[in-house]
Amino acid sequence: MIIHPDDRVLVAVMNNLEDWRRIQDEGWYRIPAKHAPEPVPHLDIIAFYYTKAFGEDKWAIHYYARNLGHELLTRRELLPHEPDHPRASELYYKLQLGPIQQCVSPIPSLRWRRITFIYTTWDRFQAAEEINDLYAEGGEFVDRLYHALRESGFAPERCYPIRESGVEYIAELAVPCRNGVVVMETAGSGSQSGIPEAIQFHPEMVTVDPEDLLSSVRIEVARRGGVMPRPAGTGCC
């Protein structure tokens, strides 16, 4: 299978064994049309992130397949043996898949985190050592800060879901701590999380004086009891 560096990869959540059986035996995968993150015709590769239903393989990407084409069907048409399902009339993309390919090395979530769809590129997918390496949101400066935080031992997370007062936000960058979360976001990017205590940084801070920014993060992490340890048995990149 020939894949180009800029081919588009969708990481999809695989949370039940029956859907995985269909992929293996019937060669197709379904995505609710209202939740599809990108125009499906433009997706080249579909990768699968296993959740806790997959036992020892959970919280990681182990397999991927090429997207060969799609149909737009109702759930009832896709799964005729479940005609009375509450979402039976809703539209789904039925993606026809090529042969399943195994990753050279699994791409794990070191914090066993929940994700939604991740839209990335093949070059990022190939180079990824863990889930956070797949994210492209925020561009070059968020990339730089993420790596600076990781090299400084903060174990940062990208596109990290945070729930406060019943509302969920997605933080550009976050450091989960023993007593809360330190959130960072690009000032003026339009992607503000809405969390009042978020540390805002301008792109030039990352290139001109990153240590000043890291010092601010260090203070806030200490105030929240230090970095939250990862679950036992996970590696460290």
C-alpha atoms as a PDB file:
ATOM      1  CA  MET A   1       0.000   0.000   0.000  1.00  0.00           C
ATOM      2  CA  ILE A   2       1.520   3.323  -1.099  1.00  0.00           C
ATOM      3  CA  ILE A   3       0.925   6.151   1.381  1.00  0.00           C
ATOM      4  CA  HIS A   4       2.195   9.701   0.992  1.00  0.00           C
ATOM      5  CA  PRO A   5       3.421  11.922   3.887  1.00  0.00           C
ATOM      6  CA  ASP A   6       0.537  14.355   3.516  1.00  0.00           C
ATOM      7  CA  ASP A   7      -2.194  11.720   3.217  1.00  0.00           C
ATOM      8  CA  ARG A   8      -4.995  12.470   5.642  1.00  0.00           C
ATOM      9  CA  VAL A   9      -5.466  10.160   8.611  1.00  0.00           C
ATOM     10  CA  LEU A  10      -8.522   9.973  10.854  1.00  0.00           C
ATOM     11  CA  VAL A  11      -8.055   8.334  14.241  1.00  0.00           C
ATOM     12  CA  ALA A  12     -11.425   6.872  15.200  1.00  0.00           C
ATOM     13  CA  VAL A  13     -12.494   5.573  18.602  1.00  0.00           C
ATOM     14  CA  MET A  14     -13.082   1.820  18.673  1.00  0.00           C
ATOM     15  CA  ASN A  15     -15.083   1.104  21.814  1.00  0.00           C
ATOM     16  CA  ASN A  16     -16.813  -2.209  21.187  1.00  0.00           C
ATOM     17  CA  LEU A  17     -15.844  -5.623  19.924  1.00  0.00           C
ATOM     18  CA  GLU A  18     -18.807  -5.967  17.541  1.00  0.00           C
ATOM     19  CA  ASP A  19     -17.748  -2.948  15.463  1.00  0.00           C
ATOM     20  CA  TRP A  20     -14.226  -4.353  15.323  1.00  0.00           C
ATOM     21  CA  ARG A  21     -15.615  -7.709  14.171  1.00  0.00           C
ATOM     22  CA  ARG A  22     -17.395  -5.954  11.292  1.00  0.00           C
ATOM     23  CA  ILE A  23     -14.173  -4.250  10.269  1.00  0.00           C
ATOM     24  CA  GLN A  24     -12.321  -7.573  10.259  1.00  0.00           C
ATOM     25  CA  ASP A  25     -15.028  -9.747   8.673  1.00  0.00           C
ATOM     26  CA  GLU A  26     -16.982  -7.308   6.473  1.00  0.00           C
ATOM     27  CA  GLY A  27     -14.443  -4.553   5.770  1.00  0.00           C
ATOM     28  CA  TRP A  28     -16.441  -1.467   6.753  1.00  0.00           C
ATOM     29  CA  TYR A  29     -16.693   1.109   9.522  1.00  0.00           C
ATOM     30  CA  ARG A  30     -19.480   3.558  10.368  1.00  0.00           C
ATOM     31  CA  ILE A  31     -19.330   7.197  11.453  1.00  0.00           C
ATOM     32  CA  PRO A  32     -22.432   9.193  12.462  1.00  0.00           C
ATOM     33  CA  ALA A  33     -22.781  11.902   9.818  1.00  0.00           C
ATOM     34  CA  LYS A  34     -23.487  14.599  12.400  1.00  0.00           C
ATOM     35  CA  HIS A  35     -20.224  13.820  14.233  1.00  0.00           C
ATOM     36  CA  ALA A  36     -17.921  13.366  11.230  1.00  0.00           C
ATOM     37  CA  PRO A  37     -14.938  15.706  11.854  1.00  0.00           C
ATOM     38  CA  GLU A  38     -13.902  16.245   8.228  1.00  0.00           C
ATOM     39  CA  PRO A  39     -15.498  15.680   4.824  1.00  0.00           C
ATOM     40  CA  VAL A  40     -15.268  11.912   4.627  1.00  0.00           C
ATOM     41  CA  PRO A  41     -14.360  11.773   0.883  1.00  0.00           C
ATOM     42  CA  HIS A  42     -11.054  13.477   1.734  1.00  0.00           C
ATOM     43  CA  LEU A  43      -9.910  10.890   4.290  1.00  0.00           C
ATOM     44  CA  ASP A  44      -7.184   8.523   3.105  1.00  0.00           C
ATOM     45  CA  ILE A  45      -6.454   6.374   6.166  1.00  0.00           C
ATOM     46  CA  ILE A  46      -8.597   5.324   9.132  1.00  0.00           C
ATOM     47  CA  ALA A  47      -6.748   4.321  12.329  1.00  0.00           C
ATOM     48  CA  PHE A  48      -8.429   2.763  15.349  1.00  0.00           C
ATOM     49  CA  TYR A  49      -7.972   3.785  18.986  1.00  0.00           C
ATOM     50  CA  TYR A  50      -8.914   0.935  21.313  1.00  0.00           C
ATOM     51  CA  THR A  51     -10.735   1.748  24.551  1.00  0.00           C
ATOM     52  CA  LYS A  52     -11.071  -0.414  27.680  1.00  0.00           C
ATOM     53  CA  ALA A  53     -13.195  -3.023  25.865  1.00  0.00           C
ATOM     54  CA  PHE A  54      -9.959  -4.370  24.327  1.00  0.00           C
ATOM     55  CA  GLY A  55      -8.266  -5.521  27.524  1.00  0.00           C
ATOM     56  CA  GLU A  56      -4.471  -5.354  27.457  1.00  0.00           C
ATOM     57  CA  ASP A  57      -4.535  -3.577  24.077  1.00  0.00           C
ATOM     58  CA  LYS A  58      -6.660  -0.702  25.431  1.00  0.00           C
ATOM     59  CA  TRP A  59      -5.836   3.018  25.185  1.00  0.00           C
ATOM     60  CA  ALA A  60      -3.693   2.664  22.072  1.00  0.00           C
ATOM     61  CA  ILE A  61      -3.744   2.536  18.272  1.00  0.00           C
ATOM     62  CA  HIS A  62      -2.672  -0.847  16.921  1.00  0.00           C
ATOM     63  CA  TYR A  63      -4.215  -0.973  13.425  1.00  0.00           C
ATOM     64  CA  TYR A  64      -5.175   1.164  10.449  1.00  0.00           C
ATOM     65  CA  ALA A  65      -6.665   0.689   6.977  1.00  0.00           C
ATOM     66  CA  ARG A  66      -7.096   2.668   3.773  1.00  0.00           C
ATOM     67  CA  ASN A  67     -10.431   4.346   3.089  1.00  0.00           C
ATOM     68  CA  LEU A  68     -11.578   3.006  -0.295  1.00  0.00           C
ATOM     69  CA  GLY A  69     -14.855   4.920  -0.522  1.00  0.00           C
ATOM     70  CA  HIS A  70     -18.079   5.590   1.299  1.00  0.00           C
ATOM     71  CA  GLU A  71     -21.873   5.528   1.213  1.00  0.00           C
ATOM     72  CA  LEU A  72     -24.330   7.646   3.195  1.00  0.00           C
ATOM     73  CA  LEU A  73     -26.952   5.362   4.744  1.00  0.00           C
ATOM     74  CA  THR A  74     -29.336   5.269   7.658  1.00  0.00           C
ATOM     75  CA  ARG A  75     -28.440   3.175  10.668  1.00  0.00           C
ATOM     76  CA  ARG A  76     -31.412   0.942   9.831  1.00  0.00           C
ATOM     77  CA  GLU A  77     -29.919   0.242   6.397  1.00  0.00           C
ATOM     78  CA  LEU A  78     -26.515  -0.479   7.907  1.00  0.00           C
ATOM     79  CA  LEU A  79     -27.815  -2.682  10.720  1.00  0.00           C
ATOM     80  CA  PRO A  80     -31.158  -4.099   9.564  1.00  0.00           C
ATOM     81  CA  HIS A  81     -31.311  -6.484  12.532  1.00  0.00           C
ATOM     82  CA  GLU A  82     -31.722  -3.426  14.826  1.00  0.00           C
ATOM     83  CA  PRO A  83     -34.690  -1.677  13.137  1.00  0.00           C
ATOM     84  CA  ASP A  84     -36.056  -0.166  16.355  1.00  0.00           C
ATOM     85  CA  HIS A  85     -32.839   1.394  17.622  1.00  0.00           C
ATOM     86  CA  PRO A  86     -33.383   5.020  18.831  1.00  0.00           C
ATOM     87  CA  ARG A  87     -30.988   6.256  16.098  1.00  0.00           C
ATOM     88  CA  ALA A  88     -32.294   3.939  13.371  1.00  0.00           C
ATOM     89  CA  SER A  89     -33.254   6.850  11.086  1.00  0.00           C
ATOM     90  CA  GLU A  90     -30.039   8.831  11.523  1.00  0.00           C
ATOM     91  CA  LEU A  91     -27.502   9.046   8.708  1.00  0.00           C
ATOM     92  CA  TYR A  92     -24.102   7.345   8.888  1.00  0.00           C
ATOM     93  CA  TYR A  93     -21.100   7.210   6.610  1.00  0.00           C
ATOM     94  CA  LYS A  94     -20.275   3.625   5.718  1.00  0.00           C
ATOM     95  CA  LEU A  95     -16.542   3.564   4.943  1.00  0.00           C
ATOM     96  CA  GLN A  96     -15.271   0.701   2.817  1.00  0.00           C
ATOM     97  CA  LEU A  97     -11.830  -0.296   4.051  1.00  0.00           C
ATOM     98  CA  GLY A  98      -8.814  -1.940   2.514  1.00  0.00           C
ATOM     99  CA  PRO A  99      -6.836  -4.682   4.301  1.00  0.00           C
ATOM    100  CA  ILE A 100      -6.131  -4.032   7.973  1.00  0.00           C
ATOM    101  CA  GLN A 101      -2.513  -3.085   8.627  1.00  0.00           C
ATOM    102  CA  GLN A 102      -0.738  -3.388  11.973  1.00  0.00           C
ATOM    103  CA  CYS A 103       1.296  -0.445  13.269  1.00  0.00           C
ATOM    104  CA  VAL A 104       5.032  -1.099  13.535  1.00  0.00           C
ATOM    105  CA  SER A 105       4.666  -0.013  17.171  1.00  0.00           C
ATOM    106  CA  PRO A 106       1.402   0.774  18.975  1.00  0.00           C
ATOM    107  CA  ILE A 107       0.668   4.465  19.585  1.00  0.00           C
ATOM    108  CA  PRO A 108      -0.458   4.605  23.229  1.00  0.00           C
ATOM    109  CA  SER A 109      -2.183   7.154  25.388  1.00  0.00           C
ATOM    110  CA  LEU A 110       0.207   7.419  28.311  1.00  0.00           C
ATOM    111  CA  ARG A 111      -2.599   8.714  30.533  1.00  0.00           C
ATOM    112  CA  TRP A 112      -5.246   6.269  29.259  1.00  0.00           C
ATOM    113  CA  ARG A 113      -7.212   9.307  28.125  1.00  0.00           C
ATOM    114  CA  ARG A 114     -10.539   9.647  26.429  1.00  0.00           C
ATOM    115  CA  ILE A 115     -10.374  11.084  22.920  1.00  0.00           C
ATOM    116  CA  THR A 116     -12.785  11.973  20.157  1.00  0.00           C
ATOM    117  CA  PHE A 117     -11.730  11.887  16.507  1.00  0.00           C
ATOM    118  CA  ILE A 118      -8.172  13.025  15.759  1.00  0.00           C
ATOM    119  CA  TYR A 119      -7.451  14.395  12.292  1.00  0.00           C
ATOM    120  CA  THR A 120      -3.759  14.150  11.392  1.00  0.00           C
ATOM    121  CA  THR A 121      -1.355  13.376   8.553  1.00  0.00           C
ATOM    122  CA  TRP A 122       0.549  10.233   7.658  1.00  0.00           C
ATOM    123  CA  ASP A 123       3.965  11.723   8.468  1.00  0.00           C
ATOM    124  CA  ARG A 124       2.784  12.626  11.990  1.00  0.00           C
ATOM    125  CA  PHE A 125       1.192   9.205  12.360  1.00  0.00           C
ATOM    126  CA  GLN A 126       4.405   7.423  11.402  1.00  0.00           C
ATOM    127  CA  ALA A 127       6.531   9.531  13.751  1.00  0.00           C
ATOM    128  CA  ALA A 128       4.163   9.450  16.739  1.00  0.00           C
ATOM    129  CA  GLU A 129       5.401   7.851  19.941  1.00  0.00           C
ATOM    130  CA  GLU A 130       2.169   8.589  21.814  1.00  0.00           C
ATOM    131  CA  ILE A 131      -1.299   9.999  21.165  1.00  0.00           C
ATOM    132  CA  ASN A 132      -0.359  13.634  21.831  1.00  0.00           C
ATOM    133  CA  ASP A 133       2.129  13.551  18.936  1.00  0.00           C
ATOM    134  CA  LEU A 134      -0.753  13.161  16.470  1.00  0.00           C
ATOM    135  CA  TYR A 135      -2.413  16.509  17.108  1.00  0.00           C
ATOM    136  CA  ALA A 136      -1.803  19.316  14.636  1.00  0.00           C
ATOM    137  CA  GLU A 137      -4.143  21.899  16.212  1.00  0.00           C
ATOM    138  CA  GLY A 138      -2.484  25.178  17.153  1.00  0.00           C
ATOM    139  CA  GLY A 139       0.290  25.021  14.578  1.00  0.00           C
ATOM    140  CA  GLU A 140       4.033  25.450  14.921  1.00  0.00           C
ATOM    141  CA  PHE A 141       4.132  27.399  18.189  1.00  0.00           C
ATOM    142  CA  VAL A 142       1.863  25.015  20.081  1.00  0.00           C
ATOM    143  CA  ASP A 143       4.075  22.194  18.765  1.00  0.00           C
ATOM    144  CA  ARG A 144       7.173  23.941  20.115  1.00  0.00           C
ATOM    145  CA  LEU A 145       5.654  24.614  23.515  1.00  0.00           C
ATOM    146  CA  TYR A 146       4.358  21.052  23.757  1.00  0.00           C
ATOM    147  CA  HIS A 147       7.849  19.657  23.149  1.00  0.00           C
ATOM    148  CA  ALA A 148       9.440  22.169  25.538  1.00  0.00           C
ATOM    149  CA  LEU A 149       6.990  21.137  28.250  1.00  0.00           C
ATOM    150  CA  ARG A 150       7.606  17.447  27.588  1.00  0.00           C
ATOM    151  CA  GLU A 151      11.386  17.859  27.675  1.00  0.00           C
ATOM    152  CA  SER A 152      11.013  19.693  31.000  1.00  0.00           C
ATOM    153  CA  GLY A 153       9.185  16.740  32.534  1.00  0.00           C
ATOM    154  CA  PHE A 154       5.659  18.192  32.665  1.00  0.00           C
ATOM    155  CA  ALA A 155       3.999  15.326  30.726  1.00  0.00           C
ATOM    156  CA  PRO A 156       1.665  17.717  28.830  1.00  0.00           C
ATOM    157  CA  GLU A 157      -1.539  16.779  27.010  1.00  0.00           C
ATOM    158  CA  ARG A 158      -2.885  18.309  23.772  1.00  0.00           C
ATOM    159  CA  CYS A 159      -6.569  18.953  23.003  1.00  0.00           C
ATOM    160  CA  TYR A 160      -7.324  17.868  26.543  1.00  0.00           C
ATOM    161  CA  PRO A 161     -10.973  17.719  27.724  1.00  0.00           C
ATOM    162  CA  ILE A 162     -11.664  19.502  31.013  1.00  0.00           C
ATOM    163  CA  ARG A 163     -15.038  19.620  32.765  1.00  0.00           C
ATOM    164  CA  GLU A 164     -15.837  22.508  35.091  1.00  0.00           C
ATOM    165  CA  SER A 165     -19.242  23.328  36.578  1.00  0.00           C
ATOM    166  CA  GLY A 166     -20.900  20.882  34.202  1.00  0.00           C
ATOM    167  CA  VAL A 167     -19.311  22.434  31.093  1.00  0.00           C
ATOM    168  CA  GLU A 168     -16.610  20.692  29.052  1.00  0.00           C
ATOM    169  CA  TYR A 169     -13.763  22.668  27.493  1.00  0.00           C
ATOM    170  CA  ILE A 170     -10.992  21.512  25.201  1.00  0.00           C
ATOM    171  CA  ALA A 171      -7.621  22.942  26.252  1.00  0.00           C
ATOM    172  CA  GLU A 172      -4.933  23.486  23.606  1.00  0.00           C
ATOM    173  CA  LEU A 173      -2.310  22.351  26.121  1.00  0.00           C
ATOM    174  CA  ALA A 174      -2.732  21.079  29.650  1.00  0.00           C
ATOM    175  CA  VAL A 175      -0.688  19.612  32.471  1.00  0.00           C
ATOM    176  CA  PRO A 176      -2.859  17.360  34.665  1.00  0.00           C
ATOM    177  CA  CYS A 177      -1.843  17.828  38.312  1.00  0.00           C
ATOM    178  CA  ARG A 178      -2.659  16.105  41.592  1.00  0.00           C
ATOM    179  CA  ASN A 179      -5.060  18.930  42.493  1.00  0.00           C
ATOM    180  CA  GLY A 180      -6.367  20.289  39.208  1.00  0.00           C
ATOM    181  CA  VAL A 181      -5.090  21.089  35.731  1.00  0.00           C
ATOM    182  CA  VAL A 182      -2.771  23.799  34.406  1.00  0.00           C
ATOM    183  CA  VAL A 183      -4.178  25.041  31.098  1.00  0.00           C
ATOM    184  CA  MET A 184      -2.224  26.920  28.420  1.00  0.00           C
ATOM    185  CA  GLU A 185      -3.590  28.539  25.284  1.00  0.00           C
ATOM    186  CA  THR A 186      -2.368  30.830  22.516  1.00  0.00           C
ATOM    187  CA  ALA A 187      -3.363  34.436  23.183  1.00  0.00           C
ATOM    188  CA  GLY A 188      -5.570  35.852  20.441  1.00  0.00           C
ATOM    189  CA  SER A 189      -5.938  32.513  18.650  1.00  0.00           C
ATOM    190  CA  GLY A 190      -9.691  32.404  18.987  1.00  0.00           C
ATOM    191  CA  SER A 191      -9.413  28.968  20.634  1.00  0.00           C
ATOM    192  CA  GLN A 192      -9.699  30.164  24.237  1.00  0.00           C
ATOM    193  CA  SER A 193     -10.968  27.429  26.518  1.00  0.00           C
ATOM    194  CA  GLY A 194     -13.045  29.692  28.720  1.00  0.00           C
ATOM    195  CA  ILE A 195     -11.140  28.589  31.829  1.00  0.00           C
ATOM    196  CA  PRO A 196     -10.376  31.772  33.822  1.00  0.00           C
ATOM    197  CA  GLU A 197      -6.990  30.598  35.141  1.00  0.00           C
ATOM    198  CA  ALA A 198      -5.607  29.523  31.766  1.00  0.00           C
ATOM    199  CA  ILE A 199      -2.063  30.737  31.060  1.00  0.00           C
ATOM    200  CA  GLN A 200      -2.116  32.653  27.793  1.00  0.00           C
ATOM    201  CA  PHE A 201       1.054  32.872  25.745  1.00  0.00           C
ATOM    202  CA  HIS A 202       1.995  34.793  22.619  1.00  0.00           C
ATOM    203  CA  PRO A 203       3.879  32.865  19.906  1.00  0.00           C
ATOM    204  CA  GLU A 204       7.007  34.993  20.340  1.00  0.00           C
ATOM    205  CA  MET A 205       7.272  33.840  23.975  1.00  0.00           C
ATOM    206  CA  VAL A 206       7.988  30.326  22.742  1.00  0.00           C
ATOM    207  CA  THR A 207      10.867  31.420  20.523  1.00  0.00           C
ATOM    208  CA  VAL A 208      12.266  34.449  22.395  1.00  0.00           C
ATOM    209  CA  ASP A 209      11.969  33.497  26.072  1.00  0.00           C
ATOM    210  CA  PRO A 210      10.507  30.030  26.573  1.00  0.00           C
ATOM    211  CA  GLU A 211      12.071  29.693  30.034  1.00  0.00           C
ATOM    212  CA  ASP A 212       9.947  32.562  31.339  1.00  0.00           C
ATOM    213  CA  LEU A 213       6.829  30.731  30.185  1.00  0.00           C
ATOM    214  CA  LEU A 214       8.067  27.429  31.590  1.00  0.00           C
ATOM    215  CA  SER A 215       8.713  29.157  34.932  1.00  0.00           C
ATOM    216  CA  SER A 216       5.083  30.301  35.022  1.00  0.00           C
ATOM    217  CA  VAL A 217       3.946  26.753  34.307  1.00  0.00           C
ATOM    218  CA  ARG A 218       6.307  25.393  36.968  1.00  0.00           C
ATOM    219  CA  ILE A 219       4.796  27.711  39.596  1.00  0.00           C
ATOM    220  CA  GLU A 220       1.226  26.756  38.704  1.00  0.00           C
ATOM    221  CA  VAL A 221       2.041  23.028  38.649  1.00  0.00           C
ATOM    222  CA  ALA A 222       3.626  23.283  42.099  1.00  0.00           C
ATOM    223  CA  ARG A 223       0.581  25.182  43.383  1.00  0.00           C
ATOM    224  CA  ARG A 224      -1.583  22.246  42.285  1.00  0.00           C
ATOM    225  CA  GLY A 225       0.490  19.593  44.004  1.00  0.00           C
ATOM    226  CA  GLY A 226       2.800  18.585  41.157  1.00  0.00           C
ATOM    227  CA  VAL A 227       2.294  16.644  37.941  1.00  0.00           C
ATOM    228  CA  MET A 228      -0.266  13.854  38.138  1.00  0.00           C
ATOM    229  CA  PRO A 229       1.603  10.539  37.754  1.00  0.00           C
ATOM    230  CA  ARG A 230       0.729   8.424  34.758  1.00  0.00           C
ATOM    231  CA  PRO A 231      -0.990   5.077  35.353  1.00  0.00           C
ATOM    232  CA  ALA A 232       1.340   2.259  36.341  1.00  0.00           C
ATOM    233  CA  GLY A 233       2.745   0.313  33.411  1.00  0.00           C
ATOM    234  CA  THR A 234       2.859   3.151  30.887  1.00  0.00           C
ATOM    235  CA  GLY A 235       6.106   4.156  29.228  1.00  0.00           C
ATOM    236  CA  CYS A 236       7.571   7.604  28.992  1.00  0.00           C
ATOM    237  CA  CYS A 237       8.645   9.278  25.771  1.00  0.00           C
END
